[in-house]
Every structure is written in C-alpha cells, then in structure tokens.
C-alpha cells in the first residue's frame, strides 16, 4: 500500500533547483515552483543521466544536461526529445511546512 513519506522541509527547497532525494532505494527529483512542489524520477528516460546532477529548470520544465531532453515538472511528460518516455511522477502534499511524497 502506498504511503506519504516526508522527504524535505519546504523552506529547504529553492526555486530553479533540482533536489534529489532517495526514498526506499528510489532516486526522486523535487522541484519547487512558488509554494508548490512536484516530484519525478531523477533518472532521465533517454540515457539514464541524473537530472539533479546536470539538469536545470525553466518555468514548468526540467532539462537534462546530458542531451537536452525536457520534461514537464508537473506530469513528467516529454516536451522535447531525444527522450520519448515520460518520467514517473509522484503525488506530493505539503503539511505544516513538510514536503511529503506518495510512494
């Protein structure tokens, strides 16, 4: 059964930053847009590069630094190739300043 797990405090996350967390052996990337946080897999579906190592955000998109694949932060959908498979996205909620993701 899926459960929400605390992964960060909201005030620790900066806009335009990709923050990696490891939850139950899964690498997850966190993105902050204003007072919202979104979570996807941290591993680019094109070549396996870590978004948190070489990627960056622009508005509602994350770009992989290896080959410039882009993904929607909210949905994980590919917005620019060479990637064709979306990133897995995870539900996020914020409670009392804590960021929780469902996994």
PDB file of N, CA and C in Angstrom:
ATOM      1  N   UNK A   1       0.840  -1.183   0.000  1.00  0.00           N
ATOM      2  CA  UNK A   1       0.000   0.000   0.000  1.00  0.00           C
ATOM      3  C   UNK A   1       0.887   1.249   0.000  1.00  0.00           C
ATOM      4  N   UNK A   2       0.552   2.189  -0.852  1.00  0.00           N
ATOM      5  CA  UNK A   2       1.325   3.430  -0.942  1.00  0.00           C
ATOM      6  C   UNK A   2       1.086   4.297   0.288  1.00  0.00           C
ATOM      7  N   UNK A   3       2.125   5.048   0.645  1.00  0.00           N
ATOM      8  CA  UNK A   3       2.002   5.955   1.781  1.00  0.00           C
ATOM      9  C   UNK A   3       2.784   7.228   1.492  1.00  0.00           C
ATOM     10  N   UNK A   4       2.409   8.307   2.178  1.00  0.00           N
ATOM     11  CA  UNK A   4       3.140   9.564   2.045  1.00  0.00           C
ATOM     12  C   UNK A   4       4.293   9.570   3.038  1.00  0.00           C
ATOM     13  N   UNK A   5       5.483   9.926   2.534  1.00  0.00           N
ATOM     14  CA  UNK A   5       6.700   9.935   3.332  1.00  0.00           C
ATOM     15  C   UNK A   5       7.317  11.327   3.264  1.00  0.00           C
ATOM     16  N   UNK A   6       7.733  11.846   4.419  1.00  0.00           N
ATOM     17  CA  UNK A   6       8.392  13.154   4.446  1.00  0.00           C
ATOM     18  C   UNK A   6       9.764  13.040   3.790  1.00  0.00           C
ATOM     19  N   UNK A   7      10.038  13.976   2.859  1.00  0.00           N
ATOM     20  CA  UNK A   7      11.315  13.955   2.152  1.00  0.00           C
ATOM     21  C   UNK A   7      12.115  15.244   2.316  1.00  0.00           C
ATOM     22  N   UNK A   8      11.453  16.321   2.763  1.00  0.00           N
ATOM     23  CA  UNK A   8      12.154  17.605   2.917  1.00  0.00           C
ATOM     24  C   UNK A   8      11.253  18.588   3.646  1.00  0.00           C
ATOM     25  N   UNK A   9      11.846  19.696   4.050  1.00  0.00           N
ATOM     26  CA  UNK A   9      11.078  20.839   4.532  1.00  0.00           C
ATOM     27  C   UNK A   9      10.943  21.810   3.366  1.00  0.00           C
ATOM     28  N   UNK A  10       9.783  22.419   3.234  1.00  0.00           N
ATOM     29  CA  UNK A  10       9.541  23.330   2.120  1.00  0.00           C
ATOM     30  C   UNK A  10      10.586  24.439   2.063  1.00  0.00           C
ATOM     31  N   UNK A  11      10.970  24.975   3.213  1.00  0.00           N
ATOM     32  CA  UNK A  11      11.925  26.091   3.209  1.00  0.00           C
ATOM     33  C   UNK A  11      13.342  25.681   2.805  1.00  0.00           C
ATOM     34  N   UNK A  12      13.620  24.385   2.701  1.00  0.00           N
ATOM     35  CA  UNK A  12      14.924  23.900   2.232  1.00  0.00           C
ATOM     36  C   UNK A  12      15.019  23.890   0.702  1.00  0.00           C
ATOM     37  N   UNK A  13      13.878  23.893   0.035  1.00  0.00           N
ATOM     38  CA  UNK A  13      13.854  23.789  -1.424  1.00  0.00           C
ATOM     39  C   UNK A  13      13.842  25.174  -2.056  1.00  0.00           C
ATOM     40  N   UNK A  14      14.725  25.366  -3.032  1.00  0.00           N
ATOM     41  CA  UNK A  14      14.818  26.649  -3.721  1.00  0.00           C
ATOM     42  C   UNK A  14      14.208  26.517  -5.112  1.00  0.00           C
ATOM     43  N   UNK A  15      13.606  27.609  -5.577  1.00  0.00           N
ATOM     44  CA  UNK A  15      13.105  27.614  -6.950  1.00  0.00           C
ATOM     45  C   UNK A  15      14.286  27.480  -7.901  1.00  0.00           C
ATOM     46  N   UNK A  16      14.035  26.912  -9.060  1.00  0.00           N
ATOM     47  CA  UNK A  16      15.058  26.719 -10.096  1.00  0.00           C
ATOM     48  C   UNK A  16      16.170  25.770  -9.662  1.00  0.00           C
ATOM     49  N   UNK A  17      15.884  24.910  -8.703  1.00  0.00           N
ATOM     50  CA  UNK A  17      16.848  23.910  -8.246  1.00  0.00           C
ATOM     51  C   UNK A  17      16.196  22.539  -8.380  1.00  0.00           C
ATOM     52  N   UNK A  18      16.982  21.557  -8.741  1.00  0.00           N
ATOM     53  CA  UNK A  18      16.503  20.172  -8.739  1.00  0.00           C
ATOM     54  C   UNK A  18      17.165  19.494  -7.554  1.00  0.00           C
ATOM     55  N   UNK A  19      16.365  19.070  -6.595  1.00  0.00           N
ATOM     56  CA  UNK A  19      16.885  18.450  -5.373  1.00  0.00           C
ATOM     57  C   UNK A  19      16.603  16.949  -5.431  1.00  0.00           C
ATOM     58  N   UNK A  20      17.631  16.147  -5.294  1.00  0.00           N
ATOM     59  CA  UNK A  20      17.472  14.694  -5.295  1.00  0.00           C
ATOM     60  C   UNK A  20      17.256  14.186  -3.882  1.00  0.00           C
ATOM     61  N   UNK A  21      16.350  13.231  -3.758  1.00  0.00           N
ATOM     62  CA  UNK A  21      16.150  12.515  -2.504  1.00  0.00           C
ATOM     63  C   UNK A  21      16.085  11.032  -2.838  1.00  0.00           C
ATOM     64  N   UNK A  22      16.418  10.217  -1.870  1.00  0.00           N
ATOM     65  CA  UNK A  22      16.364   8.771  -2.038  1.00  0.00           C
ATOM     66  C   UNK A  22      15.307   8.240  -1.088  1.00  0.00           C
ATOM     67  N   UNK A  23      14.280   7.632  -1.647  1.00  0.00           N
ATOM     68  CA  UNK A  23      13.189   7.099  -0.834  1.00  0.00           C
ATOM     69  C   UNK A  23      13.039   5.616  -1.149  1.00  0.00           C
ATOM     70  N   UNK A  24      13.290   4.792  -0.158  1.00  0.00           N
ATOM     71  CA  UNK A  24      13.178   3.336  -0.324  1.00  0.00           C
ATOM     72  C   UNK A  24      13.970   2.849  -1.540  1.00  0.00           C
ATOM     73  N   UNK A  25      15.168   3.413  -1.731  1.00  0.00           N
ATOM     74  CA  UNK A  25      16.021   2.991  -2.830  1.00  0.00           C
ATOM     75  C   UNK A  25      15.676   3.590  -4.180  1.00  0.00           C
ATOM     76  N   UNK A  26      14.733   4.523  -4.213  1.00  0.00           N
ATOM     77  CA  UNK A  26      14.314   5.166  -5.460  1.00  0.00           C
ATOM     78  C   UNK A  26      14.818   6.608  -5.476  1.00  0.00           C
ATOM     79  N   UNK A  27      15.529   6.992  -6.551  1.00  0.00           N
ATOM     80  CA  UNK A  27      16.000   8.384  -6.699  1.00  0.00           C
ATOM     81  C   UNK A  27      14.864   9.232  -7.245  1.00  0.00           C
ATOM     82  N   UNK A  28      14.524  10.264  -6.497  1.00  0.00           N
ATOM     83  CA  UNK A  28      13.420  11.143  -6.862  1.00  0.00           C
ATOM     84  C   UNK A  28      13.933  12.576  -6.914  1.00  0.00           C
ATOM     85  N   UNK A  29      13.497  13.315  -7.931  1.00  0.00           N
ATOM     86  CA  UNK A  29      13.847  14.727  -8.086  1.00  0.00           C
ATOM     87  C   UNK A  29      12.681  15.577  -7.600  1.00  0.00           C
ATOM     88  N   UNK A  30      12.993  16.587  -6.789  1.00  0.00           N
ATOM     89  CA  UNK A  30      11.991  17.530  -6.298  1.00  0.00           C
ATOM     90  C   UNK A  30      12.203  18.872  -6.980  1.00  0.00           C
ATOM     91  N   UNK A  31      11.096  19.519  -7.329  1.00  0.00           N
ATOM     92  CA  UNK A  31      11.128  20.824  -7.992  1.00  0.00           C
ATOM     93  C   UNK A  31      10.158  21.742  -7.262  1.00  0.00           C
ATOM     94  N   UNK A  32      10.601  22.945  -6.960  1.00  0.00           N
ATOM     95  CA  UNK A  32       9.717  23.913  -6.304  1.00  0.00           C
ATOM     96  C   UNK A  32       9.347  25.020  -7.288  1.00  0.00           C
ATOM     97  N   UNK A  33       8.049  25.245  -7.407  1.00  0.00           N
ATOM     98  CA  UNK A  33       7.513  26.360  -8.189  1.00  0.00           C
ATOM     99  C   UNK A  33       6.636  27.157  -7.250  1.00  0.00           C
ATOM    100  N   UNK A  34       7.125  28.304  -6.817  1.00  0.00           N
ATOM    101  CA  UNK A  34       6.420  29.138  -5.844  1.00  0.00           C
ATOM    102  C   UNK A  34       6.187  28.314  -4.580  1.00  0.00           C
ATOM    103  N   UNK A  35       4.946  28.130  -4.176  1.00  0.00           N
ATOM    104  CA  UNK A  35       4.668  27.335  -2.974  1.00  0.00           C
ATOM    105  C   UNK A  35       4.201  25.928  -3.296  1.00  0.00           C
ATOM    106  N   UNK A  36       4.448  25.476  -4.528  1.00  0.00           N
ATOM    107  CA  UNK A  36       4.116  24.113  -4.918  1.00  0.00           C
ATOM    108  C   UNK A  36       5.404  23.323  -5.112  1.00  0.00           C
ATOM    109  N   UNK A  37       5.315  22.015  -4.868  1.00  0.00           N
ATOM    110  CA  UNK A  37       6.454  21.126  -5.091  1.00  0.00           C
ATOM    111  C   UNK A  37       5.971  19.960  -5.942  1.00  0.00           C
ATOM    112  N   UNK A  38       6.802  19.556  -6.890  1.00  0.00           N
ATOM    113  CA  UNK A  38       6.496  18.431  -7.764  1.00  0.00           C
ATOM    114  C   UNK A  38       7.634  17.425  -7.664  1.00  0.00           C
ATOM    115  N   UNK A  39       7.323  16.163  -7.945  1.00  0.00           N
ATOM    116  CA  UNK A  39       8.324  15.099  -7.822  1.00  0.00           C
ATOM    117  C   UNK A  39       8.236  14.155  -9.016  1.00  0.00           C
ATOM    118  N   UNK A  40       9.406  13.835  -9.572  1.00  0.00           N
ATOM    119  CA  UNK A  40       9.500  12.851 -10.649  1.00  0.00           C
ATOM    120  C   UNK A  40      10.699  11.951 -10.361  1.00  0.00           C
ATOM    121  N   UNK A  41      10.843  10.938 -11.179  1.00  0.00           N
ATOM    122  CA  UNK A  41      12.078  10.167 -11.155  1.00  0.00           C
ATOM    123  C   UNK A  41      13.230  11.122 -11.436  1.00  0.00           C
ATOM    124  N   UNK A  42      14.377  10.875 -10.822  1.00  0.00           N
ATOM    125  CA  UNK A  42      15.564  11.708 -11.036  1.00  0.00           C
ATOM    126  C   UNK A  42      16.379  11.219 -12.227  1.00  0.00           C
ATOM    127  N   UNK A  43      15.968  10.121 -12.842  1.00  0.00           N
ATOM    128  CA  UNK A  43      16.752   9.487 -13.901  1.00  0.00           C
ATOM    129  C   UNK A  43      16.110   9.755 -15.259  1.00  0.00           C
ATOM    130  N   UNK A  44      16.840  10.433 -16.137  1.00  0.00           N
ATOM    131  CA  UNK A  44      16.337  10.744 -17.475  1.00  0.00           C
ATOM    132  C   UNK A  44      16.043   9.448 -18.226  1.00  0.00           C
ATOM    133  N   UNK A  45      14.908   9.412 -18.899  1.00  0.00           N
ATOM    134  CA  UNK A  45      14.499   8.204 -19.621  1.00  0.00           C
ATOM    135  C   UNK A  45      15.244   8.021 -20.940  1.00  0.00           C
ATOM    136  N   UNK A  46      16.017   9.004 -21.355  1.00  0.00           N
ATOM    137  CA  UNK A  46      16.756   8.879 -22.609  1.00  0.00           C
ATOM    138  C   UNK A  46      18.051   8.092 -22.431  1.00  0.00           C
ATOM    139  N   UNK A  47      18.927   8.559 -21.529  1.00  0.00           N
ATOM    140  CA  UNK A  47      20.242   7.922 -21.402  1.00  0.00           C
ATOM    141  C   UNK A  47      20.630   7.620 -19.962  1.00  0.00           C
ATOM    142  N   UNK A  48      19.692   7.808 -19.034  1.00  0.00           N
ATOM    143  CA  UNK A  48      19.965   7.456 -17.646  1.00  0.00           C
ATOM    144  C   UNK A  48      20.736   8.480 -16.845  1.00  0.00           C
ATOM    145  N   UNK A  49      20.915   9.673 -17.371  1.00  0.00           N
ATOM    146  CA  UNK A  49      21.606  10.728 -16.615  1.00  0.00           C
ATOM    147  C   UNK A  49      20.735  11.185 -15.451  1.00  0.00           C
ATOM    148  N   UNK A  50      21.378  11.683 -14.408  1.00  0.00           N
ATOM    149  CA  UNK A  50      20.645  12.190 -13.250  1.00  0.00           C
ATOM    150  C   UNK A  50      20.288  13.653 -13.480  1.00  0.00           C
ATOM    151  N   UNK A  51      19.005  13.948 -13.433  1.00  0.00           N
ATOM    152  CA  UNK A  51      18.557  15.323 -13.636  1.00  0.00           C
ATOM    153  C   UNK A  51      19.138  16.248 -12.579  1.00  0.00           C
ATOM    154  N   UNK A  52      19.258  15.756 -11.357  1.00  0.00           N
ATOM    155  CA  UNK A  52      19.756  16.591 -10.260  1.00  0.00           C
ATOM    156  C   UNK A  52      21.248  16.893 -10.385  1.00  0.00           C
ATOM    157  N   UNK A  53      21.987  16.111 -11.157  1.00  0.00           N
ATOM    158  CA  UNK A  53      23.423  16.351 -11.324  1.00  0.00           C
ATOM    159  C   UNK A  53      23.719  17.372 -12.415  1.00  0.00           C
ATOM    160  N   UNK A  54      23.053  17.250 -13.551  1.00  0.00           N
ATOM    161  CA  UNK A  54      23.416  18.105 -14.682  1.00  0.00           C
ATOM    162  C   UNK A  54      22.242  18.885 -15.262  1.00  0.00           C
ATOM    163  N   UNK A  55      21.051  18.651 -14.738  1.00  0.00           N
ATOM    164  CA  UNK A  55      19.877  19.305 -15.298  1.00  0.00           C
ATOM    165  C   UNK A  55      19.564  20.633 -14.645  1.00  0.00           C
ATOM    166  N   UNK A  56      18.559  21.299 -15.183  1.00  0.00           N
ATOM    167  CA  UNK A  56      18.105  22.573 -14.620  1.00  0.00           C
ATOM    168  C   UNK A  56      16.636  22.767 -14.976  1.00  0.00           C
ATOM    169  N   UNK A  57      16.001  23.729 -14.344  1.00  0.00           N
ATOM    170  CA  UNK A  57      14.594  24.003 -14.615  1.00  0.00           C
ATOM    171  C   UNK A  57      14.436  25.345 -15.318  1.00  0.00           C
ATOM    172  N   UNK A  58      13.387  25.409 -16.129  1.00  0.00           N
ATOM    173  CA  UNK A  58      12.960  26.649 -16.779  1.00  0.00           C
ATOM    174  C   UNK A  58      11.443  26.645 -16.725  1.00  0.00           C
ATOM    175  N   UNK A  59      10.883  27.503 -15.906  1.00  0.00           N
ATOM    176  CA  UNK A  59       9.430  27.519 -15.768  1.00  0.00           C
ATOM    177  C   UNK A  59       8.928  26.178 -15.277  1.00  0.00           C
ATOM    178  N   UNK A  60       8.025  25.565 -16.037  1.00  0.00           N
ATOM    179  CA  UNK A  60       7.441  24.281 -15.645  1.00  0.00           C
ATOM    180  C   UNK A  60       8.138  23.094 -16.298  1.00  0.00           C
ATOM    181  N   UNK A  61       9.374  23.292 -16.770  1.00  0.00           N
ATOM    182  CA  UNK A  61      10.111  22.211 -17.409  1.00  0.00           C
ATOM    183  C   UNK A  61      11.460  21.974 -16.741  1.00  0.00           C
ATOM    184  N   UNK A  62      11.881  20.709 -16.775  1.00  0.00           N
ATOM    185  CA  UNK A  62      13.232  20.335 -16.357  1.00  0.00           C
ATOM    186  C   UNK A  62      13.963  19.866 -17.604  1.00  0.00           C
ATOM    187  N   UNK A  63      15.204  20.310 -17.764  1.00  0.00           N
ATOM    188  CA  UNK A  63      16.007  19.885 -18.901  1.00  0.00           C
ATOM    189  C   UNK A  63      17.183  19.062 -18.415  1.00  0.00           C
ATOM    190  N   UNK A  64      17.382  17.919 -19.038  1.00  0.00           N
ATOM    191  CA  UNK A  64      18.520  17.063 -18.715  1.00  0.00           C
ATOM    192  C   UNK A  64      19.773  17.680 -19.324  1.00  0.00           C
ATOM    193  N   UNK A  65      20.822  17.780 -18.540  1.00  0.00           N
ATOM    194  CA  UNK A  65      22.062  18.379 -19.005  1.00  0.00           C
ATOM    195  C   UNK A  65      22.856  17.519 -19.967  1.00  0.00           C
ATOM    196  N   UNK A  66      22.534  16.239 -20.067  1.00  0.00           N
ATOM    197  CA  UNK A  66      23.311  15.358 -20.947  1.00  0.00           C
ATOM    198  C   UNK A  66      22.980  15.538 -22.431  1.00  0.00           C
ATOM    199  N   UNK A  67      21.687  15.474 -22.774  1.00  0.00           N
ATOM    200  CA  UNK A  67      21.308  15.528 -24.189  1.00  0.00           C
ATOM    201  C   UNK A  67      20.115  16.442 -24.453  1.00  0.00           C
ATOM    202  N   UNK A  68      19.785  17.294 -23.479  1.00  0.00           N
ATOM    203  CA  UNK A  68      18.755  18.336 -23.632  1.00  0.00           C
ATOM    204  C   UNK A  68      17.317  17.840 -23.736  1.00  0.00           C
ATOM    205  N   UNK A  69      17.039  16.624 -23.271  1.00  0.00           N
ATOM    206  CA  UNK A  69      15.635  16.205 -23.183  1.00  0.00           C
ATOM    207  C   UNK A  69      14.943  17.099 -22.169  1.00  0.00           C
ATOM    208  N   UNK A  70      13.679  17.421 -22.428  1.00  0.00           N
ATOM    209  CA  UNK A  70      12.911  18.239 -21.487  1.00  0.00           C
ATOM    210  C   UNK A  70      11.650  17.511 -21.068  1.00  0.00           C
ATOM    211  N   UNK A  71      11.259  17.779 -19.810  1.00  0.00           N
ATOM    212  CA  UNK A  71      10.094  17.134 -19.222  1.00  0.00           C
ATOM    213  C   UNK A  71       9.258  18.160 -18.470  1.00  0.00           C
ATOM    214  N   UNK A  72       7.941  17.976 -18.490  1.00  0.00           N
ATOM    215  CA  UNK A  72       7.056  18.807 -17.689  1.00  0.00           C
ATOM    216  C   UNK A  72       7.235  18.415 -16.228  1.00  0.00           C
ATOM    217  N   UNK A  73       7.480  19.393 -15.359  1.00  0.00           N
ATOM    218  CA  UNK A  73       7.707  19.107 -13.935  1.00  0.00           C
ATOM    219  C   UNK A  73       6.480  18.518 -13.257  1.00  0.00           C
ATOM    220  N   UNK A  74       5.300  18.939 -13.688  1.00  0.00           N
ATOM    221  CA  UNK A  74       4.065  18.521 -13.023  1.00  0.00           C
ATOM    222  C   UNK A  74       3.636  17.113 -13.413  1.00  0.00           C
ATOM    223  N   UNK A  75       3.917  16.724 -14.666  1.00  0.00           N
ATOM    224  CA  UNK A  75       3.398  15.454 -15.172  1.00  0.00           C
ATOM    225  C   UNK A  75       4.464  14.445 -15.566  1.00  0.00           C
ATOM    226  N   UNK A  76       5.694  14.910 -15.798  1.00  0.00           N
ATOM    227  CA  UNK A  76       6.758  14.034 -16.283  1.00  0.00           C
ATOM    228  C   UNK A  76       6.739  13.826 -17.788  1.00  0.00           C
ATOM    229  N   UNK A  77       5.748  14.395 -18.488  1.00  0.00           N
ATOM    230  CA  UNK A  77       5.610  14.219 -19.931  1.00  0.00           C
ATOM    231  C   UNK A  77       6.799  14.852 -20.660  1.00  0.00           C
ATOM    232  N   UNK A  78       7.268  14.171 -21.703  1.00  0.00           N
ATOM    233  CA  UNK A  78       8.367  14.687 -22.524  1.00  0.00           C
ATOM    234  C   UNK A  78       7.874  15.898 -23.312  1.00  0.00           C
ATOM    235  N   UNK A  79       8.626  16.997 -23.238  1.00  0.00           N
ATOM    236  CA  UNK A  79       8.285  18.194 -24.008  1.00  0.00           C
ATOM    237  C   UNK A  79       9.326  18.491 -25.081  1.00  0.00           C
ATOM    238  N   UNK A  80      10.465  17.801 -25.013  1.00  0.00           N
ATOM    239  CA  UNK A  80      11.497  17.939 -26.055  1.00  0.00           C
ATOM    240  C   UNK A  80      12.307  16.656 -26.099  1.00  0.00           C
ATOM    241  N   UNK A  81      12.461  16.102 -27.293  1.00  0.00           N
ATOM    242  CA  UNK A  81      13.264  14.893 -27.469  1.00  0.00           C
ATOM    243  C   UNK A  81      14.743  15.234 -27.319  1.00  0.00           C
ATOM    244  N   UNK A  82      15.613  14.257 -27.131  1.00  0.00           N
ATOM    245  CA  UNK A  82      15.523  12.909 -27.648  1.00  0.00           C
ATOM    246  C   UNK A  82      14.757  11.906 -26.776  1.00  0.00           C
ATOM    247  N   UNK A  83      14.460  12.215 -25.526  1.00  0.00           N
ATOM    248  CA  UNK A  83      13.671  11.271 -24.717  1.00  0.00           C
ATOM    249  C   UNK A  83      12.290  11.106 -25.342  1.00  0.00           C
ATOM    250  N   UNK A  84      11.740   9.902 -25.231  1.00  0.00           N
ATOM    251  CA  UNK A  84      10.378   9.660 -25.715  1.00  0.00           C
ATOM    252  C   UNK A  84       9.475   9.132 -24.606  1.00  0.00           C
ATOM    253  N   UNK A  85      10.068   8.559 -23.577  1.00  0.00           N
ATOM    254  CA  UNK A  85       9.303   8.031 -22.446  1.00  0.00           C
ATOM    255  C   UNK A  85       9.205   9.087 -21.352  1.00  0.00           C
ATOM    256  N   UNK A  86       8.030   9.246 -20.748  1.00  0.00           N
ATOM    257  CA  UNK A  86       7.887  10.233 -19.670  1.00  0.00           C
ATOM    258  C   UNK A  86       8.619   9.794 -18.403  1.00  0.00           C
ATOM    259  N   UNK A  87       8.884  10.761 -17.546  1.00  0.00           N
ATOM    260  CA  UNK A  87       9.404  10.460 -16.213  1.00  0.00           C
ATOM    261  C   UNK A  87       8.245  10.006 -15.342  1.00  0.00           C
ATOM    262  N   UNK A  88       8.491   9.076 -14.452  1.00  0.00           N
ATOM    263  CA  UNK A  88       7.470   8.711 -13.470  1.00  0.00           C
ATOM    264  C   UNK A  88       7.288   9.905 -12.542  1.00  0.00           C
ATOM    265  N   UNK A  89       6.045  10.276 -12.293  1.00  0.00           N
ATOM    266  CA  UNK A  89       5.782  11.375 -11.365  1.00  0.00           C
ATOM    267  C   UNK A  89       5.136  10.822 -10.104  1.00  0.00           C
ATOM    268  N   UNK A  90       5.290  11.549  -9.019  1.00  0.00           N
ATOM    269  CA  UNK A  90       4.807  11.116  -7.709  1.00  0.00           C
ATOM    270  C   UNK A  90       3.918  12.195  -7.107  1.00  0.00           C
ATOM    271  N   UNK A  91       2.801  11.794  -6.492  1.00  0.00           N
ATOM    272  CA  UNK A  91       1.951  12.771  -5.802  1.00  0.00           C
ATOM    273  C   UNK A  91       2.709  13.411  -4.637  1.00  0.00           C
ATOM    274  N   UNK A  92       2.499  14.711  -4.467  1.00  0.00           N
ATOM    275  CA  UNK A  92       3.158  15.482  -3.408  1.00  0.00           C
ATOM    276  C   UNK A  92       2.104  16.227  -2.616  1.00  0.00           C
ATOM    277  N   UNK A  93       2.314  16.307  -1.309  1.00  0.00           N
ATOM    278  CA  UNK A  93       1.494  17.200  -0.493  1.00  0.00           C
ATOM    279  C   UNK A  93       2.405  17.897   0.506  1.00  0.00           C
ATOM    280  N   UNK A  94       1.964  19.080   0.920  1.00  0.00           N
ATOM    281  CA  UNK A  94       2.717  19.869   1.889  1.00  0.00           C
ATOM    282  C   UNK A  94       1.851  20.023   3.123  1.00  0.00           C
ATOM    283  N   UNK A  95       2.404  19.618   4.262  1.00  0.00           N
ATOM    284  CA  UNK A  95       1.691  19.706   5.537  1.00  0.00           C
ATOM    285  C   UNK A  95       2.603  20.350   6.566  1.00  0.00           C
ATOM    286  N   UNK A  96       2.159  21.447   7.124  1.00  0.00           N
ATOM    287  CA  UNK A  96       2.915  22.150   8.173  1.00  0.00           C
ATOM    288  C   UNK A  96       4.365  22.396   7.778  1.00  0.00           C
ATOM    289  N   UNK A  97       4.589  22.771   6.526  1.00  0.00           N
ATOM    290  CA  UNK A  97       5.932  23.072   6.060  1.00  0.00           C
ATOM    291  C   UNK A  97       6.759  21.865   5.671  1.00  0.00           C
ATOM    292  N   UNK A  98       6.188  20.661   5.783  1.00  0.00           N
ATOM    293  CA  UNK A  98       6.892  19.442   5.390  1.00  0.00           C
ATOM    294  C   UNK A  98       6.428  18.990   4.007  1.00  0.00           C
ATOM    295  N   UNK A  99       7.369  18.541   3.186  1.00  0.00           N
ATOM    296  CA  UNK A  99       7.063  18.030   1.855  1.00  0.00           C
ATOM    297  C   UNK A  99       6.987  16.511   1.950  1.00  0.00           C
ATOM    298  N   UNK A 100       5.846  15.962   1.549  1.00  0.00           N
ATOM    299  CA  UNK A 100       5.638  14.522   1.587  1.00  0.00           C
ATOM    300  C   UNK A 100       5.332  14.023   0.186  1.00  0.00           C
ATOM    301  N   UNK A 101       5.886  12.864  -0.171  1.00  0.00           N
ATOM    302  CA  UNK A 101       5.559  12.262  -1.455  1.00  0.00           C
ATOM    303  C   UNK A 101       4.979  10.882  -1.221  1.00  0.00           C
ATOM    304  N   UNK A 102       4.120  10.491  -2.151  1.00  0.00           N
ATOM    305  CA  UNK A 102       3.493   9.170  -2.063  1.00  0.00           C
ATOM    306  C   UNK A 102       4.312   8.186  -2.876  1.00  0.00           C
ATOM    307  N   UNK A 103       4.709   7.121  -2.223  1.00  0.00           N
ATOM    308  CA  UNK A 103       5.496   6.087  -2.900  1.00  0.00           C
ATOM    309  C   UNK A 103       5.054   4.712  -2.434  1.00  0.00           C
TER     310      UNK A 103
END
